Amino acid sequence: MTSTDDPAGAADNPLARRFTISSLLRFAFPTIFMMVFFGLYTIVDTMFIARFVNTNALSALNIVTPVINVIVGLGTMLAAGAFPDLHTARCAVADSFEVQTYLP
């Protein structure tokens, strides 16, 4: 395949290749690992606070944990979906503007 056959560089883009389950898992594994690690960290942190600190600290942790989970979830969602889409849309608008500028 020559560069003229592939102007967008699809050969370098891992998402433009043929879809398989292994490619999906390889693409999603870092996010899955991070979420599992964060969940285990929260459980271990809760056990240490319950064991070595008082019940007021455990209550405060139980109040704050959903807020932290929402922040992490929004951050993951924006990093994986919204920001790349916004960047692509911005590039598409910029490209269409350049095309309109150079066409009569």
C-alpha atoms as a PDB file:
ATOM      1  CA  MET A   1       0.000   0.000   0.000  1.00  0.00           C
ATOM      2  CA  THR A   2       1.436   3.347  -0.969  1.00  0.00           C
ATOM      3  CA  SER A   3       1.003   6.665   0.745  1.00  0.00           C
ATOM      4  CA  THR A   4      -1.347   7.831  -2.033  1.00  0.00           C
ATOM      5  CA  ASP A   5      -3.668   4.864  -1.364  1.00  0.00           C
ATOM      6  CA  ASP A   6      -3.819   5.739   2.312  1.00  0.00           C
ATOM      7  CA  PRO A   7      -3.878   9.525   2.714  1.00  0.00           C
ATOM      8  CA  ALA A   8      -5.176   9.472   6.292  1.00  0.00           C
ATOM      9  CA  GLY A   9      -2.479   7.086   7.560  1.00  0.00           C
ATOM     10  CA  ALA A  10      -4.910   4.292   8.446  1.00  0.00           C
ATOM     11  CA  ALA A  11      -2.076   1.754   8.467  1.00  0.00           C
ATOM     12  CA  ASP A  12      -0.593   3.534  11.497  1.00  0.00           C
ATOM     13  CA  ASN A  13      -3.937   3.864  13.271  1.00  0.00           C
ATOM     14  CA  PRO A  14      -4.671   0.828  15.480  1.00  0.00           C
ATOM     15  CA  LEU A  15      -8.411   1.589  15.382  1.00  0.00           C
ATOM     16  CA  ALA A  16      -8.542   1.539  11.582  1.00  0.00           C
ATOM     17  CA  ARG A  17      -7.390  -2.078  11.401  1.00  0.00           C
ATOM     18  CA  ARG A  18      -9.657  -5.114  11.352  1.00  0.00           C
ATOM     19  CA  PHE A  19     -11.635  -5.445  14.584  1.00  0.00           C
ATOM     20  CA  THR A  20     -11.027  -8.526  16.746  1.00  0.00           C
ATOM     21  CA  ILE A  21     -11.775  -9.317  20.357  1.00  0.00           C
ATOM     22  CA  SER A  22      -8.063  -9.366  21.192  1.00  0.00           C
ATOM     23  CA  SER A  23      -7.579  -5.890  19.702  1.00  0.00           C
ATOM     24  CA  LEU A  24     -10.544  -4.619  21.740  1.00  0.00           C
ATOM     25  CA  LEU A  25      -9.140  -6.089  24.948  1.00  0.00           C
ATOM     26  CA  ARG A  26      -5.669  -4.748  24.198  1.00  0.00           C
ATOM     27  CA  PHE A  27      -7.150  -1.298  23.622  1.00  0.00           C
ATOM     28  CA  ALA A  28      -9.396  -1.372  26.713  1.00  0.00           C
ATOM     29  CA  PHE A  29      -7.011  -3.142  29.114  1.00  0.00           C
ATOM     30  CA  PRO A  30      -5.345   0.004  30.566  1.00  0.00           C
ATOM     31  CA  THR A  31      -8.722   1.478  31.528  1.00  0.00           C
ATOM     32  CA  ILE A  32      -9.964  -1.834  32.950  1.00  0.00           C
ATOM     33  CA  PHE A  33      -6.741  -2.247  34.949  1.00  0.00           C
ATOM     34  CA  MET A  34      -6.962   1.290  36.304  1.00  0.00           C
ATOM     35  CA  MET A  35     -10.574   0.842  37.433  1.00  0.00           C
ATOM     36  CA  VAL A  36      -9.823  -2.503  39.144  1.00  0.00           C
ATOM     37  CA  PHE A  37      -6.749  -1.017  40.836  1.00  0.00           C
ATOM     38  CA  PHE A  38      -8.739   1.997  42.027  1.00  0.00           C
ATOM     39  CA  GLY A  39     -11.467  -0.261  43.429  1.00  0.00           C
ATOM     40  CA  LEU A  40      -8.962  -2.438  45.301  1.00  0.00           C
ATOM     41  CA  TYR A  41      -7.187   0.661  46.593  1.00  0.00           C
ATOM     42  CA  THR A  42     -10.480   1.983  47.952  1.00  0.00           C
ATOM     43  CA  ILE A  43     -11.271  -1.321  49.677  1.00  0.00           C
ATOM     44  CA  VAL A  44      -7.819  -1.572  51.285  1.00  0.00           C
ATOM     45  CA  ASP A  45      -7.916   2.085  52.321  1.00  0.00           C
ATOM     46  CA  THR A  46     -11.315   1.538  53.920  1.00  0.00           C
ATOM     47  CA  MET A  47     -10.039  -1.470  55.859  1.00  0.00           C
ATOM     48  CA  PHE A  48      -7.035   0.474  57.194  1.00  0.00           C
ATOM     49  CA  ILE A  49      -9.189   3.427  58.213  1.00  0.00           C
ATOM     50  CA  ALA A  50     -11.735   1.156  59.902  1.00  0.00           C
ATOM     51  CA  ARG A  51      -8.993  -0.727  61.730  1.00  0.00           C
ATOM     52  CA  PHE A  52      -6.614   2.047  62.810  1.00  0.00           C
ATOM     53  CA  VAL A  53      -8.703   5.228  62.911  1.00  0.00           C
ATOM     54  CA  ASN A  54     -12.096   5.938  64.463  1.00  0.00           C
ATOM     55  CA  THR A  55     -15.588   5.523  63.063  1.00  0.00           C
ATOM     56  CA  ASN A  56     -15.920   9.232  62.231  1.00  0.00           C
ATOM     57  CA  ALA A  57     -13.070   8.908  59.727  1.00  0.00           C
ATOM     58  CA  LEU A  58     -14.735   5.853  58.203  1.00  0.00           C
ATOM     59  CA  SER A  59     -18.007   7.772  57.898  1.00  0.00           C
ATOM     60  CA  ALA A  60     -16.210  10.680  56.215  1.00  0.00           C
ATOM     61  CA  LEU A  61     -14.577   8.272  53.763  1.00  0.00           C
ATOM     62  CA  ASN A  62     -17.944   6.711  52.933  1.00  0.00           C
ATOM     63  CA  ILE A  63     -19.377  10.168  52.234  1.00  0.00           C
ATOM     64  CA  VAL A  64     -16.459  11.267  50.025  1.00  0.00           C
ATOM     65  CA  THR A  65     -15.946   8.011  48.070  1.00  0.00           C
ATOM     66  CA  PRO A  66     -18.948   8.479  45.712  1.00  0.00           C
ATOM     67  CA  VAL A  67     -17.745  11.986  44.872  1.00  0.00           C
ATOM     68  CA  ILE A  68     -14.277  10.654  44.037  1.00  0.00           C
ATOM     69  CA  ASN A  69     -15.811   7.874  41.937  1.00  0.00           C
ATOM     70  CA  VAL A  70     -17.861  10.413  39.956  1.00  0.00           C
ATOM     71  CA  ILE A  71     -14.751  12.532  39.337  1.00  0.00           C
ATOM     72  CA  VAL A  72     -12.733   9.500  38.197  1.00  0.00           C
ATOM     73  CA  GLY A  73     -15.613   8.305  36.019  1.00  0.00           C
ATOM     74  CA  LEU A  74     -16.014  11.700  34.353  1.00  0.00           C
ATOM     75  CA  GLY A  75     -12.272  11.953  33.827  1.00  0.00           C
ATOM     76  CA  THR A  76     -12.142   8.504  32.246  1.00  0.00           C
ATOM     77  CA  MET A  77     -15.172   9.231  30.079  1.00  0.00           C
ATOM     78  CA  LEU A  78     -13.774  12.541  28.856  1.00  0.00           C
ATOM     79  CA  ALA A  79     -10.302  11.134  28.244  1.00  0.00           C
ATOM     80  CA  ALA A  80     -11.590   8.109  26.347  1.00  0.00           C
ATOM     81  CA  GLY A  81     -14.459   9.622  24.399  1.00  0.00           C
ATOM     82  CA  ALA A  82     -15.383  13.271  24.531  1.00  0.00           C
ATOM     83  CA  PHE A  83     -12.025  15.023  24.176  1.00  0.00           C
ATOM     84  CA  PRO A  84     -10.795  12.929  21.224  1.00  0.00           C
ATOM     85  CA  ASP A  85     -14.158  13.500  19.522  1.00  0.00           C
ATOM     86  CA  LEU A  86     -13.945  17.238  20.149  1.00  0.00           C
ATOM     87  CA  HIS A  87     -10.387  17.303  18.817  1.00  0.00           C
ATOM     88  CA  THR A  88     -11.448  15.394  15.705  1.00  0.00           C
ATOM     89  CA  ALA A  89     -14.366  17.756  15.142  1.00  0.00           C
ATOM     90  CA  ARG A  90     -12.101  20.765  15.568  1.00  0.00           C
ATOM     91  CA  CYS A  91      -9.600  19.336  13.070  1.00  0.00           C
ATOM     92  CA  ALA A  92     -12.427  18.600  10.633  1.00  0.00           C
ATOM     93  CA  VAL A  93     -13.694  22.179  10.894  1.00  0.00           C
ATOM     94  CA  ALA A  94     -10.176  23.503  10.407  1.00  0.00           C
ATOM     95  CA  ASP A  95      -9.673  21.228   7.386  1.00  0.00           C
ATOM     96  CA  SER A  96     -12.979  22.278   5.818  1.00  0.00           C
ATOM     97  CA  PHE A  97     -12.061  25.921   6.366  1.00  0.00           C
ATOM     98  CA  GLU A  98      -8.701  25.392   4.621  1.00  0.00           C
ATOM     99  CA  VAL A  99     -10.437  23.593   1.760  1.00  0.00           C
ATOM    100  CA  GLN A 100     -12.953  26.401   1.348  1.00  0.00           C
ATOM    101  CA  THR A 101     -10.149  28.958   1.434  1.00  0.00           C
ATOM    102  CA  TYR A 102      -8.213  27.316  -1.393  1.00  0.00           C
ATOM    103  CA  LEU A 103     -11.156  26.358  -3.619  1.00  0.00           C
ATOM    104  CA  PRO A 104     -12.598  29.041  -5.927  1.00  0.00           C
END
